[in-house]
């Protein structure tokens, strides 16, 4: 009988320049919550709570933390965070 081991592959999370600026402007309490979202994204594609976007944002996903949204898209084993914003502003572009 062969021994099968589970290897947990971790994705690399990268922020775009816009997402980094969004992150830098967040209140400290929200920044801490977004950091936990980044940790969850490292488990991509086994990340719970990620919802696929439609329309112009097809191919992207979002995760919410309270009233804040983290929009991202996967590229291979990398997750690229595009935006971090309040739900009332995040889809405006």
PDB file of N, CA and C in Angstrom:
ATOM      1  N   UNK A   1       0.849  -1.178   0.000  1.00  0.00           N
ATOM      2  CA  UNK A   1       0.000   0.000   0.000  1.00  0.00           C
ATOM      3  C   UNK A   1       0.895   1.240   0.000  1.00  0.00           C
ATOM      4  N   UNK A   2       0.613   2.141  -0.889  1.00  0.00           N
ATOM      5  CA  UNK A   2       1.412   3.358  -1.007  1.00  0.00           C
ATOM      6  C   UNK A   2       0.919   4.398  -0.011  1.00  0.00           C
ATOM      7  N   UNK A   3       1.837   5.137   0.526  1.00  0.00           N
ATOM      8  CA  UNK A   3       1.509   6.219   1.454  1.00  0.00           C
ATOM      9  C   UNK A   3       1.315   7.489   0.643  1.00  0.00           C
ATOM     10  N   UNK A   4       0.154   8.078   0.765  1.00  0.00           N
ATOM     11  CA  UNK A   4      -0.144   9.317   0.051  1.00  0.00           C
ATOM     12  C   UNK A   4      -0.101  10.454   1.045  1.00  0.00           C
ATOM     13  N   UNK A   5       0.661  11.475   0.716  1.00  0.00           N
ATOM     14  CA  UNK A   5       0.737  12.641   1.600  1.00  0.00           C
ATOM     15  C   UNK A   5       0.103  13.823   0.897  1.00  0.00           C
ATOM     16  N   UNK A   6      -0.541  14.663   1.656  1.00  0.00           N
ATOM     17  CA  UNK A   6      -1.125  15.885   1.117  1.00  0.00           C
ATOM     18  C   UNK A   6      -0.094  16.992   1.211  1.00  0.00           C
ATOM     19  N   UNK A   7       0.135  17.625   0.100  1.00  0.00           N
ATOM     20  CA  UNK A   7       1.052  18.755   0.069  1.00  0.00           C
ATOM     21  C   UNK A   7       0.206  20.010  -0.079  1.00  0.00           C
ATOM     22  N   UNK A   8       0.354  20.912   0.855  1.00  0.00           N
ATOM     23  CA  UNK A   8      -0.407  22.155   0.803  1.00  0.00           C
ATOM     24  C   UNK A   8       0.393  23.171   0.008  1.00  0.00           C
ATOM     25  N   UNK A   9      -0.104  23.495  -1.163  1.00  0.00           N
ATOM     26  CA  UNK A   9       0.550  24.490  -1.994  1.00  0.00           C
ATOM     27  C   UNK A   9       0.034  25.859  -1.606  1.00  0.00           C
ATOM     28  N   UNK A  10       0.930  26.785  -1.463  1.00  0.00           N
ATOM     29  CA  UNK A  10       0.549  28.130  -1.066  1.00  0.00           C
ATOM     30  C   UNK A  10       0.726  29.071  -2.246  1.00  0.00           C
ATOM     31  N   UNK A  11      -0.286  29.865  -2.506  1.00  0.00           N
ATOM     32  CA  UNK A  11      -0.221  30.864  -3.572  1.00  0.00           C
ATOM     33  C   UNK A  11       0.552  32.080  -3.076  1.00  0.00           C
ATOM     34  N   UNK A  12       1.127  32.783  -3.998  1.00  0.00           N
ATOM     35  CA  UNK A  12       1.791  34.049  -3.711  1.00  0.00           C
ATOM     36  C   UNK A  12       0.766  35.157  -3.917  1.00  0.00           C
ATOM     37  N   UNK A  13       0.650  36.063  -2.957  1.00  0.00           N
ATOM     38  CA  UNK A  13      -0.304  37.169  -3.051  1.00  0.00           C
ATOM     39  C   UNK A  13       0.480  38.442  -3.378  1.00  0.00           C
ATOM     40  N   UNK A  14       0.097  39.084  -4.491  1.00  0.00           N
ATOM     41  CA  UNK A  14       0.752  40.311  -4.942  1.00  0.00           C
ATOM     42  C   UNK A  14      -0.292  41.408  -5.041  1.00  0.00           C
ATOM     43  N   UNK A  15       0.057  42.610  -4.605  1.00  0.00           N
ATOM     44  CA  UNK A  15      -0.835  43.758  -4.709  1.00  0.00           C
ATOM     45  C   UNK A  15      -0.398  44.633  -5.878  1.00  0.00           C
ATOM     46  N   UNK A  16      -1.377  45.088  -6.667  1.00  0.00           N
ATOM     47  CA  UNK A  16      -1.074  46.074  -7.702  1.00  0.00           C
ATOM     48  C   UNK A  16      -0.749  47.392  -7.010  1.00  0.00           C
ATOM     49  N   UNK A  17      -0.244  48.337  -7.763  1.00  0.00           N
ATOM     50  CA  UNK A  17       0.065  49.655  -7.197  1.00  0.00           C
ATOM     51  C   UNK A  17      -1.185  50.296  -6.616  1.00  0.00           C
ATOM     52  N   UNK A  18      -2.307  50.160  -7.322  1.00  0.00           N
ATOM     53  CA  UNK A  18      -3.574  50.728  -6.839  1.00  0.00           C
ATOM     54  C   UNK A  18      -4.022  50.042  -5.556  1.00  0.00           C
ATOM     55  N   UNK A  19      -3.891  48.715  -5.494  1.00  0.00           N
ATOM     56  CA  UNK A  19      -4.293  47.980  -4.290  1.00  0.00           C
ATOM     57  C   UNK A  19      -3.390  48.343  -3.118  1.00  0.00           C
ATOM     58  N   UNK A  20      -2.099  48.541  -3.369  1.00  0.00           N
ATOM     59  CA  UNK A  20      -1.188  48.940  -2.296  1.00  0.00           C
ATOM     60  C   UNK A  20      -1.565  50.315  -1.753  1.00  0.00           C
ATOM     61  N   UNK A  21      -1.927  51.237  -2.649  1.00  0.00           N
ATOM     62  CA  UNK A  21      -2.375  52.566  -2.216  1.00  0.00           C
ATOM     63  C   UNK A  21      -3.668  52.459  -1.419  1.00  0.00           C
ATOM     64  N   UNK A  22      -4.604  51.601  -1.883  1.00  0.00           N
ATOM     65  CA  UNK A  22      -5.848  51.370  -1.133  1.00  0.00           C
ATOM     66  C   UNK A  22      -5.523  50.862   0.266  1.00  0.00           C
ATOM     67  N   UNK A  23      -4.625  49.867   0.338  1.00  0.00           N
ATOM     68  CA  UNK A  23      -4.260  49.263   1.615  1.00  0.00           C
ATOM     69  C   UNK A  23      -3.635  50.294   2.550  1.00  0.00           C
ATOM     70  N   UNK A  24      -2.737  51.115   2.023  1.00  0.00           N
ATOM     71  CA  UNK A  24      -2.055  52.132   2.838  1.00  0.00           C
ATOM     72  C   UNK A  24      -3.021  53.162   3.403  1.00  0.00           C
ATOM     73  N   UNK A  25      -4.135  53.400   2.701  1.00  0.00           N
ATOM     74  CA  UNK A  25      -5.118  54.398   3.143  1.00  0.00           C
ATOM     75  C   UNK A  25      -6.172  53.844   4.094  1.00  0.00           C
ATOM     76  N   UNK A  26      -6.167  52.537   4.335  1.00  0.00           N
ATOM     77  CA  UNK A  26      -7.176  51.937   5.204  1.00  0.00           C
ATOM     78  C   UNK A  26      -6.962  52.313   6.666  1.00  0.00           C
ATOM     79  N   UNK A  27      -8.063  52.416   7.437  1.00  0.00           N
ATOM     80  CA  UNK A  27      -7.914  52.554   8.882  1.00  0.00           C
ATOM     81  C   UNK A  27      -7.195  51.315   9.438  1.00  0.00           C
ATOM     82  N   UNK A  28      -6.483  51.475  10.530  1.00  0.00           N
ATOM     83  CA  UNK A  28      -5.663  50.396  11.091  1.00  0.00           C
ATOM     84  C   UNK A  28      -6.490  49.146  11.377  1.00  0.00           C
ATOM     85  N   UNK A  29      -7.694  49.296  11.896  1.00  0.00           N
ATOM     86  CA  UNK A  29      -8.510  48.123  12.227  1.00  0.00           C
ATOM     87  C   UNK A  29      -8.921  47.352  10.972  1.00  0.00           C
ATOM     88  N   UNK A  30      -9.234  48.078   9.913  1.00  0.00           N
ATOM     89  CA  UNK A  30      -9.609  47.425   8.657  1.00  0.00           C
ATOM     90  C   UNK A  30      -8.380  46.796   8.017  1.00  0.00           C
ATOM     91  N   UNK A  31      -7.246  47.453   8.120  1.00  0.00           N
ATOM     92  CA  UNK A  31      -6.005  46.907   7.566  1.00  0.00           C
ATOM     93  C   UNK A  31      -5.702  45.536   8.165  1.00  0.00           C
ATOM     94  N   UNK A  32      -5.914  45.388   9.459  1.00  0.00           N
ATOM     95  CA  UNK A  32      -5.680  44.100  10.118  1.00  0.00           C
ATOM     96  C   UNK A  32      -6.626  43.035   9.569  1.00  0.00           C
ATOM     97  N   UNK A  33      -7.878  43.391   9.327  1.00  0.00           N
ATOM     98  CA  UNK A  33      -8.834  42.430   8.772  1.00  0.00           C
ATOM     99  C   UNK A  33      -8.465  42.044   7.349  1.00  0.00           C
ATOM    100  N   UNK A  34      -7.983  42.994   6.560  1.00  0.00           N
ATOM    101  CA  UNK A  34      -7.586  42.711   5.183  1.00  0.00           C
ATOM    102  C   UNK A  34      -6.355  41.801   5.173  1.00  0.00           C
ATOM    103  N   UNK A  35      -5.460  41.960   6.128  1.00  0.00           N
ATOM    104  CA  UNK A  35      -4.303  41.063   6.216  1.00  0.00           C
ATOM    105  C   UNK A  35      -4.744  39.613   6.422  1.00  0.00           C
ATOM    106  N   UNK A  36      -5.817  39.392   7.173  1.00  0.00           N
ATOM    107  CA  UNK A  36      -6.312  38.024   7.338  1.00  0.00           C
ATOM    108  C   UNK A  36      -6.903  37.499   6.029  1.00  0.00           C
ATOM    109  N   UNK A  37      -7.485  38.394   5.214  1.00  0.00           N
ATOM    110  CA  UNK A  37      -7.969  37.991   3.891  1.00  0.00           C
ATOM    111  C   UNK A  37      -6.784  37.562   3.022  1.00  0.00           C
ATOM    112  N   UNK A  38      -5.680  38.297   3.086  1.00  0.00           N
ATOM    113  CA  UNK A  38      -4.488  37.923   2.320  1.00  0.00           C
ATOM    114  C   UNK A  38      -3.996  36.534   2.724  1.00  0.00           C
ATOM    115  N   UNK A  39      -4.034  36.233   4.009  1.00  0.00           N
ATOM    116  CA  UNK A  39      -3.637  34.901   4.469  1.00  0.00           C
ATOM    117  C   UNK A  39      -4.572  33.837   3.904  1.00  0.00           C
ATOM    118  N   UNK A  40      -5.857  34.135   3.856  1.00  0.00           N
ATOM    119  CA  UNK A  40      -6.810  33.189   3.263  1.00  0.00           C
ATOM    120  C   UNK A  40      -6.538  32.993   1.783  1.00  0.00           C
ATOM    121  N   UNK A  41      -6.155  34.054   1.088  1.00  0.00           N
ATOM    122  CA  UNK A  41      -5.876  33.969  -0.346  1.00  0.00           C
ATOM    123  C   UNK A  41      -4.649  33.106  -0.643  1.00  0.00           C
ATOM    124  N   UNK A  42      -3.760  32.964   0.310  1.00  0.00           N
ATOM    125  CA  UNK A  42      -2.582  32.116   0.105  1.00  0.00           C
ATOM    126  C   UNK A  42      -2.985  30.663  -0.110  1.00  0.00           C
ATOM    127  N   UNK A  43      -4.192  30.284   0.304  1.00  0.00           N
ATOM    128  CA  UNK A  43      -4.676  28.913   0.130  1.00  0.00           C
ATOM    129  C   UNK A  43      -5.422  28.744  -1.195  1.00  0.00           C
ATOM    130  N   UNK A  44      -5.348  29.725  -2.091  1.00  0.00           N
ATOM    131  CA  UNK A  44      -6.077  29.654  -3.353  1.00  0.00           C
ATOM    132  C   UNK A  44      -5.709  28.389  -4.106  1.00  0.00           C
ATOM    133  N   UNK A  45      -6.629  27.624  -4.647  1.00  0.00           N
ATOM    134  CA  UNK A  45      -8.049  27.903  -4.889  1.00  0.00           C
ATOM    135  C   UNK A  45      -8.974  27.388  -3.791  1.00  0.00           C
ATOM    136  N   UNK A  46      -8.434  26.918  -2.690  1.00  0.00           N
ATOM    137  CA  UNK A  46      -9.261  26.396  -1.604  1.00  0.00           C
ATOM    138  C   UNK A  46      -9.723  27.497  -0.658  1.00  0.00           C
ATOM    139  N   UNK A  47      -9.746  28.723  -1.117  1.00  0.00           N
ATOM    140  CA  UNK A  47     -10.139  29.867  -0.307  1.00  0.00           C
ATOM    141  C   UNK A  47     -11.654  29.930  -0.194  1.00  0.00           C
ATOM    142  N   UNK A  48     -12.161  29.932   1.021  1.00  0.00           N
ATOM    143  CA  UNK A  48     -13.614  30.020   1.194  1.00  0.00           C
ATOM    144  C   UNK A  48     -14.066  31.476   1.131  1.00  0.00           C
ATOM    145  N   UNK A  49     -15.269  31.669   0.659  1.00  0.00           N
ATOM    146  CA  UNK A  49     -15.855  33.003   0.638  1.00  0.00           C
ATOM    147  C   UNK A  49     -15.553  33.816  -0.605  1.00  0.00           C
ATOM    148  N   UNK A  50     -14.751  33.302  -1.519  1.00  0.00           N
ATOM    149  CA  UNK A  50     -14.443  34.032  -2.747  1.00  0.00           C
ATOM    150  C   UNK A  50     -15.588  33.846  -3.732  1.00  0.00           C
ATOM    151  N   UNK A  51     -16.065  34.948  -4.271  1.00  0.00           N
ATOM    152  CA  UNK A  51     -17.176  34.888  -5.226  1.00  0.00           C
ATOM    153  C   UNK A  51     -16.700  35.392  -6.588  1.00  0.00           C
ATOM    154  N   UNK A  52     -17.040  34.667  -7.650  1.00  0.00           N
ATOM    155  CA  UNK A  52     -16.636  35.125  -8.987  1.00  0.00           C
ATOM    156  C   UNK A  52     -17.425  36.356  -9.398  1.00  0.00           C
ATOM    157  N   UNK A  53     -16.766  37.248 -10.110  1.00  0.00           N
ATOM    158  CA  UNK A  53     -17.401  38.465 -10.603  1.00  0.00           C
ATOM    159  C   UNK A  53     -17.957  38.183 -12.004  1.00  0.00           C
ATOM    160  N   UNK A  54     -18.881  39.029 -12.436  1.00  0.00           N
ATOM    161  CA  UNK A  54     -19.498  38.885 -13.753  1.00  0.00           C
ATOM    162  C   UNK A  54     -19.332  40.173 -14.552  1.00  0.00           C
ATOM    163  N   UNK A  55     -19.763  40.114 -15.788  1.00  0.00           N
ATOM    164  CA  UNK A  55     -19.738  41.305 -16.633  1.00  0.00           C
ATOM    165  C   UNK A  55     -18.318  41.753 -16.943  1.00  0.00           C
ATOM    166  N   UNK A  56     -18.077  43.051 -16.801  1.00  0.00           N
ATOM    167  CA  UNK A  56     -16.766  43.627 -17.107  1.00  0.00           C
ATOM    168  C   UNK A  56     -15.673  43.076 -16.204  1.00  0.00           C
ATOM    169  N   UNK A  57     -16.040  42.555 -15.039  1.00  0.00           N
ATOM    170  CA  UNK A  57     -15.059  42.019 -14.093  1.00  0.00           C
ATOM    171  C   UNK A  57     -14.966  40.500 -14.140  1.00  0.00           C
ATOM    172  N   UNK A  58     -15.500  39.888 -15.182  1.00  0.00           N
ATOM    173  CA  UNK A  58     -15.418  38.429 -15.323  1.00  0.00           C
ATOM    174  C   UNK A  58     -13.946  38.001 -15.277  1.00  0.00           C
ATOM    175  N   UNK A  59     -13.676  36.909 -14.574  1.00  0.00           N
ATOM    176  CA  UNK A  59     -12.309  36.440 -14.387  1.00  0.00           C
ATOM    177  C   UNK A  59     -11.707  36.913 -13.083  1.00  0.00           C
ATOM    178  N   UNK A  60     -12.387  37.844 -12.443  1.00  0.00           N
ATOM    179  CA  UNK A  60     -11.961  38.349 -11.142  1.00  0.00           C
ATOM    180  C   UNK A  60     -12.872  37.754 -10.067  1.00  0.00           C
ATOM    181  N   UNK A  61     -12.413  37.850  -8.838  1.00  0.00           N
ATOM    182  CA  UNK A  61     -13.168  37.369  -7.684  1.00  0.00           C
ATOM    183  C   UNK A  61     -13.176  38.460  -6.633  1.00  0.00           C
ATOM    184  N   UNK A  62     -14.063  38.294  -5.660  1.00  0.00           N
ATOM    185  CA  UNK A  62     -14.069  39.221  -4.524  1.00  0.00           C
ATOM    186  C   UNK A  62     -14.256  38.445  -3.237  1.00  0.00           C
ATOM    187  N   UNK A  63     -13.647  38.957  -2.208  1.00  0.00           N
ATOM    188  CA  UNK A  63     -13.861  38.471  -0.841  1.00  0.00           C
ATOM    189  C   UNK A  63     -14.262  39.683  -0.024  1.00  0.00           C
ATOM    190  N   UNK A  64     -15.246  39.505   0.832  1.00  0.00           N
ATOM    191  CA  UNK A  64     -15.675  40.610   1.677  1.00  0.00           C
ATOM    192  C   UNK A  64     -15.203  40.400   3.105  1.00  0.00           C
ATOM    193  N   UNK A  65     -14.956  41.501   3.765  1.00  0.00           N
ATOM    194  CA  UNK A  65     -14.722  41.518   5.195  1.00  0.00           C
ATOM    195  C   UNK A  65     -15.480  42.733   5.716  1.00  0.00           C
ATOM    196  N   UNK A  66     -16.647  42.466   6.274  1.00  0.00           N
ATOM    197  CA  UNK A  66     -17.533  43.549   6.686  1.00  0.00           C
ATOM    198  C   UNK A  66     -18.007  44.311   5.465  1.00  0.00           C
ATOM    199  N   UNK A  67     -17.866  45.630   5.486  1.00  0.00           N
ATOM    200  CA  UNK A  67     -18.272  46.470   4.360  1.00  0.00           C
ATOM    201  C   UNK A  67     -17.151  46.660   3.342  1.00  0.00           C
ATOM    202  N   UNK A  68     -16.045  45.976   3.511  1.00  0.00           N
ATOM    203  CA  UNK A  68     -14.884  46.128   2.637  1.00  0.00           C
ATOM    204  C   UNK A  68     -14.772  44.952   1.701  1.00  0.00           C
ATOM    205  N   UNK A  69     -14.296  45.220   0.484  1.00  0.00           N
ATOM    206  CA  UNK A  69     -14.143  44.188  -0.537  1.00  0.00           C
ATOM    207  C   UNK A  69     -12.701  44.160  -1.030  1.00  0.00           C
ATOM    208  N   UNK A  70     -12.211  42.949  -1.240  1.00  0.00           N
ATOM    209  CA  UNK A  70     -10.900  42.736  -1.840  1.00  0.00           C
ATOM    210  C   UNK A  70     -11.159  42.069  -3.188  1.00  0.00           C
ATOM    211  N   UNK A  71     -10.844  42.770  -4.278  1.00  0.00           N
ATOM    212  CA  UNK A  71     -11.009  42.223  -5.625  1.00  0.00           C
ATOM    213  C   UNK A  71      -9.670  41.692  -6.103  1.00  0.00           C
ATOM    214  N   UNK A  72      -9.693  40.495  -6.695  1.00  0.00           N
ATOM    215  CA  UNK A  72      -8.449  39.869  -7.117  1.00  0.00           C
ATOM    216  C   UNK A  72      -8.693  38.959  -8.301  1.00  0.00           C
ATOM    217  N   UNK A  73      -7.587  38.535  -8.922  1.00  0.00           N
ATOM    218  CA  UNK A  73      -7.669  37.533  -9.983  1.00  0.00           C
ATOM    219  C   UNK A  73      -6.449  36.618  -9.879  1.00  0.00           C
ATOM    220  N   UNK A  74      -6.682  35.324 -10.085  1.00  0.00           N
ATOM    221  CA  UNK A  74      -5.576  34.368 -10.013  1.00  0.00           C
ATOM    222  C   UNK A  74      -4.864  34.254 -11.364  1.00  0.00           C
ATOM    223  N   UNK A  75      -3.551  34.083 -11.287  1.00  0.00           N
ATOM    224  CA  UNK A  75      -2.723  33.817 -12.469  1.00  0.00           C
ATOM    225  C   UNK A  75      -1.769  32.698 -12.072  1.00  0.00           C
ATOM    226  N   UNK A  76      -2.104  31.478 -12.461  1.00  0.00           N
ATOM    227  CA  UNK A  76      -1.296  30.326 -12.050  1.00  0.00           C
ATOM    228  C   UNK A  76      -1.332  30.179 -10.540  1.00  0.00           C
ATOM    229  N   UNK A  77      -0.170  30.145  -9.915  1.00  0.00           N
ATOM    230  CA  UNK A  77      -0.102  30.018  -8.456  1.00  0.00           C
ATOM    231  C   UNK A  77       0.059  31.376  -7.781  1.00  0.00           C
ATOM    232  N   UNK A  78      -0.297  32.433  -8.490  1.00  0.00           N
ATOM    233  CA  UNK A  78      -0.219  33.791  -7.945  1.00  0.00           C
ATOM    234  C   UNK A  78      -1.616  34.377  -7.893  1.00  0.00           C
ATOM    235  N   UNK A  79      -1.901  35.098  -6.813  1.00  0.00           N
ATOM    236  CA  UNK A  79      -3.160  35.822  -6.680  1.00  0.00           C
ATOM    237  C   UNK A  79      -2.809  37.306  -6.700  1.00  0.00           C
ATOM    238  N   UNK A  80      -3.370  38.015  -7.668  1.00  0.00           N
ATOM    239  CA  UNK A  80      -3.089  39.443  -7.807  1.00  0.00           C
ATOM    240  C   UNK A  80      -4.277  40.231  -7.281  1.00  0.00           C
ATOM    241  N   UNK A  81      -4.041  41.025  -6.249  1.00  0.00           N
ATOM    242  CA  UNK A  81      -5.081  41.866  -5.651  1.00  0.00           C
ATOM    243  C   UNK A  81      -5.123  43.171  -6.435  1.00  0.00           C
ATOM    244  N   UNK A  82      -6.314  43.485  -6.971  1.00  0.00           N
ATOM    245  CA  UNK A  82      -6.474  44.670  -7.808  1.00  0.00           C
ATOM    246  C   UNK A  82      -7.010  45.882  -7.056  1.00  0.00           C
ATOM    247  N   UNK A  83      -7.930  45.667  -6.146  1.00  0.00           N
ATOM    248  CA  UNK A  83      -8.570  46.763  -5.411  1.00  0.00           C
ATOM    249  C   UNK A  83      -8.915  46.334  -4.008  1.00  0.00           C
ATOM    250  N   UNK A  84      -8.912  47.277  -3.095  1.00  0.00           N
ATOM    251  CA  UNK A  84      -9.406  47.098  -1.732  1.00  0.00           C
ATOM    252  C   UNK A  84     -10.198  48.364  -1.429  1.00  0.00           C
ATOM    253  N   UNK A  85     -11.504  48.224  -1.264  1.00  0.00           N
ATOM    254  CA  UNK A  85     -12.314  49.424  -1.056  1.00  0.00           C
ATOM    255  C   UNK A  85     -13.611  49.069  -0.345  1.00  0.00           C
ATOM    256  N   UNK A  86     -14.273  50.111   0.119  1.00  0.00           N
ATOM    257  CA  UNK A  86     -15.584  49.954   0.727  1.00  0.00           C
ATOM    258  C   UNK A  86     -16.565  49.502  -0.336  1.00  0.00           C
ATOM    259  N   UNK A  87     -17.557  48.743   0.067  1.00  0.00           N
ATOM    260  CA  UNK A  87     -18.511  48.162  -0.891  1.00  0.00           C
ATOM    261  C   UNK A  87     -19.218  49.219  -1.714  1.00  0.00           C
ATOM    262  N   UNK A  88     -19.402  50.411  -1.185  1.00  0.00           N
ATOM    263  CA  UNK A  88     -20.114  51.457  -1.936  1.00  0.00           C
ATOM    264  C   UNK A  88     -19.253  52.043  -3.059  1.00  0.00           C
ATOM    265  N   UNK A  89     -17.920  51.837  -2.992  1.00  0.00           N
ATOM    266  CA  UNK A  89     -17.013  52.438  -3.966  1.00  0.00           C
ATOM    267  C   UNK A  89     -16.273  51.434  -4.845  1.00  0.00           C
ATOM    268  N   UNK A  90     -16.196  50.179  -4.431  1.00  0.00           N
ATOM    269  CA  UNK A  90     -15.281  49.247  -5.062  1.00  0.00           C
ATOM    270  C   UNK A  90     -15.606  48.935  -6.515  1.00  0.00           C
ATOM    271  N   UNK A  91     -16.864  48.963  -6.888  1.00  0.00           N
ATOM    272  CA  UNK A  91     -17.239  48.574  -8.251  1.00  0.00           C
ATOM    273  C   UNK A  91     -17.281  49.770  -9.203  1.00  0.00           C
ATOM    274  N   UNK A  92     -17.035  50.975  -8.696  1.00  0.00           N
ATOM    275  CA  UNK A  92     -17.026  52.179  -9.528  1.00  0.00           C
ATOM    276  C   UNK A  92     -15.669  52.325 -10.200  1.00  0.00           C
ATOM    277  N   UNK A  93     -15.659  52.281 -11.497  1.00  0.00           N
ATOM    278  CA  UNK A  93     -14.401  52.520 -12.241  1.00  0.00           C
ATOM    279  C   UNK A  93     -14.714  52.975 -13.618  1.00  0.00           C
TER     280      UNK A  93
END
